[in-house]
Each structure stands twice: as C-alpha cells, then as structure tokens.
Amino acid sequence: SRTVYYDVSSIDAWLSSRNLGHVAISRQHIHAIDIDWKGVGRLTRRAGRYYFSVRERHAMLILYIALSGKRITIGHLMDFFAISRNTVISDIRELKKDLAPFGIVLASVANTGYAIRGDEITVRKVIWNALQHLGNAECITQVRSFLQTTLTEVTGNDIDYFELCRSLIKQYESDLQTRCFLDSNGLEGMMIQVSWLRGLKGHWVIMGREEQITLMGTVSYRSVQMSAEKLKNSGIILPSEELLYTTSLMLGIKTTDFTAPSD
C-alpha cells in the first residue's frame, strides 16, 4: 500500500508541475481531478522519452529557441516538452527574467515565433551555461539527438554530425600534433555544433580586428579553415567570422603535445 500511495503522490506532483491536473487518494479510491486528458494523451504518446526537471527544461528551452530551424511557437514548445500551455507561458516568463541581466531579450517575432536576441558572444555564453545544466547522461542524449535532428533539417543532409565533429577534432589533433582533452560529456563538441547552427542562421561572433589578426596567424586557424572545406560538402557553409570563433573554441580545449617528454 505504501508503494501505491508513493506512486500516486509522484504522479500528482508530476502532473501538477505541468498544470495537467491532480490525482489523489480518498477513502481508498483514486480520484482524477481536473485532468487535462489531451495533455495526458500527448505525454502517453511520448512514452519512454526523458522528461526534464524544471531547471533542465529551462536550459533546454534556451537551446531549442536559439538553435531550432523551425518557427518556435507556444504550440511547438508544448509538443516538444510535452507540457501544458500554462507551463510554457510560465517558463517563458521565467526565462525572460533570467536572461535580462545578461542583456539578452527573449522576443516574440511575427511569423518566426520566439527568438533570442542580443550580443552574439553573450548568447553563446548563455548557451554554454545551459549545456552545463544538461550535463547528466540522459540530458546529453536528448541534446545530442536534438542537435542531430536540427542540423539534418537545416542542411538537408542526414549524416552523423556528432561523428563529423569528432573527425574535425581528430584532424585538428593531427594538424597540431597535439591531443585534445575533452570533457566526458562532450560539451565542447556540442558547442562546435552550436556554432554551425548559429552561423547557418546568420548569427556570427564578431571579434575585434586585433584579435582576428592574432587568431588568423595561428596553426589552429589554418586547421579550422581546412576543415571548413569538408563542412561545405555537408551543407555547412560558414563565414570567416565563425571560423575564428571555432578557432577560439579549439584553443580553449586542454591539449598536450604528442612529443612532450614523459616524466
């Protein structure tokens, strides 16, 4: 009986957090109270899918709005996260407050839906912060799937973009005779894919002239340039500004020389 009470309590908490109604036990009967059966049906059809906590959902919401190639409406968000309209509106309201201190605006744009606007380098930092909130294995699987689906939709090419990213990192290691130490959850590689998607949507990181000249003079930049030619075959055509940003990402990854003497 304790298990039944626990399960009913968990179901009630889960439904309540999505404004889908309540379940309760009274006199040994289980009661469904103001249940949004349409919403419940939407969840049932998505059985087996990972459901985000509120914090994870807010982080994933940033990625979805910033990177998706689709028109982002309340209906799309309801379907993607399997939540009610009221929950979407509440999430949007909270997200606006969270982004405001960074100078980032979550705007509703006619014919395009929700969009994130602001200084692009700050947007990338916000996305990086969101990825770090999605660092557990289940979330990473969902993020990787989202990036793969979105890149396929945007480019029209159904290839493994995770493996493409890995191959570019391996090429970088070969060109610089170094080894990259990546986090086990692969967030750095995901930021490279973020760069592809933001660049394809026309959002580029613009660096100062001095920083551009410095980066262009590095072996890292030449390696990224050569990899960019391979990306074109996959429908990913990026401007030089975005290649410079990718170079800065690569330079930020911990590396070690293959030829370094052992201790």
Protein backbone atom coordinates (compact mmCIF):
# COMPACT_ATOMS: atom_id res chain seq x y z
CA SER A 1 0.00 0.00 0.00
CA ARG A 2 2.90 2.36 0.71
CA THR A 3 4.10 1.85 -2.88
CA VAL A 4 0.69 2.74 -4.27
CA TYR A 5 0.49 5.90 -2.15
CA TYR A 6 4.02 6.84 -3.18
CA ASP A 7 3.28 6.29 -6.89
CA VAL A 8 0.05 8.30 -6.76
CA SER A 9 1.87 11.11 -4.95
CA SER A 10 4.63 11.10 -7.59
CA ILE A 11 2.10 11.14 -10.44
CA ASP A 12 0.25 14.02 -8.80
CA ALA A 13 3.45 16.04 -8.37
CA TRP A 14 4.45 15.38 -11.96
CA LEU A 15 1.04 16.35 -13.37
CA SER A 16 0.83 19.40 -11.13
CA SER A 17 4.21 20.70 -12.29
CA ARG A 18 2.81 20.67 -15.85
CA ASN A 19 -0.59 22.10 -14.91
CA LEU A 20 -2.33 18.95 -16.14
CA GLY A 21 -4.49 18.39 -13.08
CA HIS A 22 -4.24 16.23 -9.96
CA VAL A 23 -4.71 12.70 -8.69
CA ALA A 24 -5.49 11.96 -5.06
CA ILE A 25 -6.50 9.10 -2.77
CA SER A 26 -9.61 9.48 -0.67
CA ARG A 27 -11.26 6.64 1.28
CA GLN A 28 -9.19 4.10 -0.64
CA HIS A 29 -10.33 5.45 -4.00
CA ILE A 30 -8.03 7.15 -6.52
CA HIS A 31 -9.59 10.34 -7.89
CA ALA A 32 -8.66 12.20 -11.07
CA ILE A 33 -9.26 15.93 -10.51
CA ASP A 34 -9.46 18.41 -13.39
CA ILE A 35 -7.22 16.28 -15.60
CA ASP A 36 -6.21 17.72 -18.98
CA TRP A 37 -6.72 14.46 -20.86
CA LYS A 38 -5.48 15.89 -24.13
CA GLY A 39 -2.22 16.84 -22.47
CA VAL A 40 -2.00 13.45 -20.78
CA GLY A 41 -2.57 11.80 -24.16
CA ARG A 42 0.31 13.80 -25.59
CA LEU A 43 2.56 12.51 -22.81
CA THR A 44 1.36 8.94 -23.28
CA ARG A 45 2.26 9.01 -26.97
CA ARG A 46 5.78 10.02 -25.97
CA ALA A 47 6.25 7.16 -23.53
CA GLY A 48 9.86 6.24 -22.94
CA ARG A 49 11.11 9.77 -23.53
CA TYR A 50 13.20 11.50 -20.89
CA TYR A 51 11.29 14.27 -19.09
CA PHE A 52 13.28 17.25 -17.91
CA SER A 53 13.22 18.74 -14.44
CA VAL A 54 12.14 22.40 -14.34
CA ARG A 55 15.77 23.58 -14.32
CA GLU A 56 16.71 21.22 -17.15
CA ARG A 57 13.63 22.23 -19.13
CA HIS A 58 14.55 25.92 -18.88
CA ALA A 59 18.08 25.13 -20.10
CA MET A 60 16.75 23.02 -22.96
CA LEU A 61 14.27 25.78 -23.80
CA ILE A 62 17.20 28.15 -24.41
CA LEU A 63 18.78 25.64 -26.81
CA TYR A 64 15.52 24.98 -28.61
CA ILE A 65 14.74 28.64 -29.21
CA ALA A 66 18.34 29.63 -30.03
CA LEU A 67 19.11 26.75 -32.39
CA SER A 68 15.97 25.24 -33.90
CA GLY A 69 15.39 25.78 -37.59
CA LYS A 70 11.63 25.73 -37.05
CA ARG A 71 9.22 28.53 -36.25
CA ILE A 72 9.04 28.47 -32.45
CA THR A 73 5.51 28.94 -31.11
CA ILE A 74 3.82 28.05 -27.85
CA GLY A 75 2.28 25.04 -29.61
CA HIS A 76 5.70 23.78 -30.73
CA LEU A 77 7.05 24.15 -27.20
CA MET A 78 4.03 22.32 -25.74
CA ASP A 79 4.63 19.44 -28.12
CA PHE A 80 8.42 19.32 -27.76
CA PHE A 81 8.42 19.31 -23.96
CA ALA A 82 5.03 17.58 -23.52
CA ILE A 83 3.77 20.31 -21.19
CA SER A 84 0.65 22.45 -20.97
CA ARG A 85 0.17 25.90 -22.46
CA ASN A 86 0.18 27.48 -19.00
CA THR A 87 3.50 25.81 -18.19
CA VAL A 88 5.04 27.09 -21.44
CA ILE A 89 3.88 30.63 -20.69
CA SER A 90 5.26 30.36 -17.15
CA ASP A 91 8.60 29.03 -18.46
CA ILE A 92 8.86 31.86 -20.99
CA ARG A 93 8.17 34.42 -18.29
CA GLU A 94 10.84 32.94 -16.00
CA LEU A 95 13.34 32.68 -18.84
CA LYS A 96 12.87 36.34 -19.75
CA LYS A 97 13.71 37.32 -16.17
CA ASP A 98 16.77 35.02 -16.10
CA LEU A 99 18.15 36.39 -19.39
CA ALA A 100 17.52 40.09 -18.73
CA PRO A 101 20.65 40.61 -16.53
CA PHE A 102 22.80 39.43 -19.46
CA GLY A 103 21.24 41.93 -21.83
CA ILE A 104 19.57 39.08 -23.75
CA VAL A 105 15.97 39.51 -24.88
CA LEU A 106 13.56 36.64 -25.46
CA ALA A 107 11.30 38.19 -28.07
CA SER A 108 8.14 37.05 -29.83
CA VAL A 109 8.60 37.86 -33.51
CA ALA A 110 5.78 37.88 -36.09
CA ASN A 111 5.94 34.89 -38.48
CA THR A 112 9.03 33.43 -36.76
CA GLY A 113 7.83 32.89 -33.19
CA TYR A 114 10.17 33.21 -30.23
CA ALA A 115 13.78 34.28 -30.79
CA ILE A 116 16.77 35.10 -28.60
CA ARG A 117 18.30 38.50 -29.33
CA GLY A 118 21.42 40.20 -28.03
CA ASP A 119 25.18 40.36 -28.34
CA GLU A 120 26.16 37.09 -30.03
CA ILE A 121 29.15 36.28 -27.84
CA THR A 122 26.88 36.69 -24.80
CA VAL A 123 24.27 34.44 -26.42
CA ARG A 124 26.96 31.77 -26.86
CA LYS A 125 27.92 32.09 -23.20
CA VAL A 126 24.27 31.67 -22.20
CA ILE A 127 24.05 28.56 -24.42
CA TRP A 128 27.24 27.16 -22.87
CA ASN A 129 25.79 27.74 -19.41
CA ALA A 130 22.58 25.97 -20.47
CA LEU A 131 24.57 22.97 -21.73
CA GLN A 132 26.30 22.68 -18.38
CA HIS A 133 22.89 22.41 -16.69
CA LEU A 134 22.18 19.48 -19.03
CA GLY A 135 25.31 17.53 -18.17
CA ASN A 136 23.81 14.26 -16.96
CA ALA A 137 23.80 11.27 -19.29
CA GLU A 138 20.07 11.30 -20.03
CA CYS A 139 20.04 15.01 -20.86
CA ILE A 140 23.15 14.73 -23.03
CA THR A 141 21.44 12.01 -25.05
CA GLN A 142 18.46 14.33 -25.60
CA VAL A 143 20.68 17.29 -26.54
CA ARG A 144 22.71 15.19 -28.97
CA SER A 145 19.51 13.94 -30.61
CA PHE A 146 18.17 17.50 -30.84
CA LEU A 147 21.38 18.78 -32.46
CA GLN A 148 21.40 15.88 -34.94
CA THR A 149 17.75 16.40 -35.91
CA THR A 150 18.13 20.17 -36.23
CA LEU A 151 21.31 20.01 -38.33
CA THR A 152 19.65 17.45 -40.61
CA GLU A 153 16.63 19.74 -41.04
CA VAL A 154 18.72 22.85 -41.65
CA THR A 155 21.25 21.33 -44.07
CA GLY A 156 19.03 18.73 -45.73
CA ASN A 157 21.75 16.11 -45.21
CA ASP A 158 21.10 13.13 -42.95
CA ILE A 159 24.63 12.33 -41.78
CA ASP A 160 26.05 11.75 -38.31
CA TYR A 161 27.00 15.28 -37.23
CA PHE A 162 28.40 14.08 -33.91
CA GLU A 163 30.89 11.91 -35.77
CA LEU A 164 31.60 14.75 -38.21
CA CYS A 165 32.51 16.95 -35.26
CA ARG A 166 34.72 14.20 -33.83
CA SER A 167 36.51 13.79 -37.14
CA LEU A 168 37.26 17.53 -37.28
CA ILE A 169 38.69 17.41 -33.77
CA LYS A 170 40.86 14.44 -34.77
CA GLN A 171 42.04 16.38 -37.82
CA TYR A 172 42.90 19.29 -35.53
CA GLU A 173 44.92 16.96 -33.31
CA SER A 174 46.80 15.66 -36.35
CA ASP A 175 47.49 19.13 -37.78
CA LEU A 176 48.81 20.48 -34.48
CA GLN A 177 50.48 17.25 -33.33
CA THR A 178 48.57 17.50 -30.08
CA ARG A 179 45.91 15.66 -28.16
CA CYS A 180 42.67 17.33 -27.09
CA PHE A 181 41.30 16.51 -23.66
CA LEU A 182 37.52 16.77 -23.94
CA ASP A 183 35.02 16.50 -21.11
CA SER A 184 33.45 13.04 -20.98
CA ASN A 185 30.01 14.53 -21.70
CA GLY A 186 31.26 16.09 -24.96
CA LEU A 187 30.02 19.62 -24.29
CA GLU A 188 32.92 21.24 -26.21
CA GLY A 189 31.98 19.29 -29.32
CA MET A 190 28.38 20.35 -28.86
CA MET A 191 29.46 24.00 -28.79
CA ILE A 192 31.08 23.46 -32.19
CA GLN A 193 27.73 22.20 -33.48
CA VAL A 194 26.08 25.21 -31.81
CA SER A 195 28.50 27.38 -33.82
CA TRP A 196 27.40 25.65 -37.03
CA LEU A 197 23.70 26.18 -36.31
CA ARG A 198 24.01 29.78 -35.16
CA GLY A 199 26.23 30.55 -38.15
CA LEU A 200 23.77 28.96 -40.57
CA LYS A 201 21.02 31.12 -39.04
CA GLY A 202 23.12 34.24 -39.75
CA HIS A 203 24.25 34.92 -36.17
CA TRP A 204 28.03 35.38 -36.10
CA VAL A 205 30.51 36.30 -33.39
CA ILE A 206 32.29 39.48 -34.46
CA MET A 207 35.75 39.84 -32.91
CA GLY A 208 37.98 42.89 -32.71
CA ARG A 209 40.47 43.48 -35.52
CA GLU A 210 43.49 42.78 -33.32
CA GLU A 211 42.02 39.51 -32.07
CA GLN A 212 41.17 38.49 -35.65
CA ILE A 213 44.75 39.11 -36.81
CA THR A 214 46.16 37.14 -33.87
CA LEU A 215 43.89 34.14 -34.48
CA MET A 216 44.47 34.15 -38.26
CA GLY A 217 48.18 33.78 -37.64
CA THR A 218 47.82 30.51 -35.75
CA VAL A 219 48.17 26.93 -36.97
CA SER A 220 44.83 26.31 -35.24
CA TYR A 221 43.06 28.71 -37.60
CA ARG A 222 44.61 27.09 -40.68
CA SER A 223 43.42 23.69 -39.44
CA VAL A 224 39.89 25.02 -38.90
CA GLN A 225 39.97 26.57 -42.39
CA MET A 226 40.84 23.23 -43.98
CA SER A 227 38.09 21.52 -42.01
CA ALA A 228 35.64 24.18 -43.19
CA GLU A 229 36.13 22.95 -46.74
CA LYS A 230 34.97 19.50 -45.65
CA LEU A 231 31.96 21.03 -43.92
CA LYS A 232 30.80 22.57 -47.19
CA ASN A 233 30.20 19.06 -48.54
CA SER A 234 27.69 18.58 -45.71
CA GLY A 235 25.84 21.82 -46.40
CA ILE A 236 27.55 23.80 -43.64
CA ILE A 237 28.97 26.98 -45.16
CA LEU A 238 30.31 29.41 -42.58
CA PRO A 239 31.80 32.91 -42.85
CA SER A 240 35.34 33.68 -41.71
CA GLU A 241 33.95 35.27 -38.52
CA GLU A 242 32.52 31.94 -37.43
CA LEU A 243 35.74 30.11 -38.30
CA LEU A 244 37.56 32.49 -35.98
CA TYR A 245 35.09 31.68 -33.21
CA THR A 246 35.61 27.94 -33.79
CA THR A 247 39.35 28.53 -33.59
CA SER A 248 38.91 30.22 -30.21
CA LEU A 249 36.89 27.19 -29.05
CA MET A 250 39.63 24.81 -30.16
CA LEU A 251 42.32 26.89 -28.49
CA GLY A 252 40.30 26.77 -25.28
CA ILE A 253 40.37 22.96 -25.15
CA LYS A 254 43.10 21.49 -22.97
CA THR A 255 45.80 19.88 -25.09
CA THR A 256 49.18 18.22 -24.75
CA ASP A 257 51.93 17.75 -27.33
CA PHE A 258 52.46 14.21 -28.58
CA THR A 259 56.18 14.85 -28.46
CA ALA A 260 56.25 16.13 -24.89
CA PRO A 261 58.80 14.19 -22.82
CA SER A 262 57.35 11.85 -20.20
CA ASP A 263 58.06 12.47 -16.52
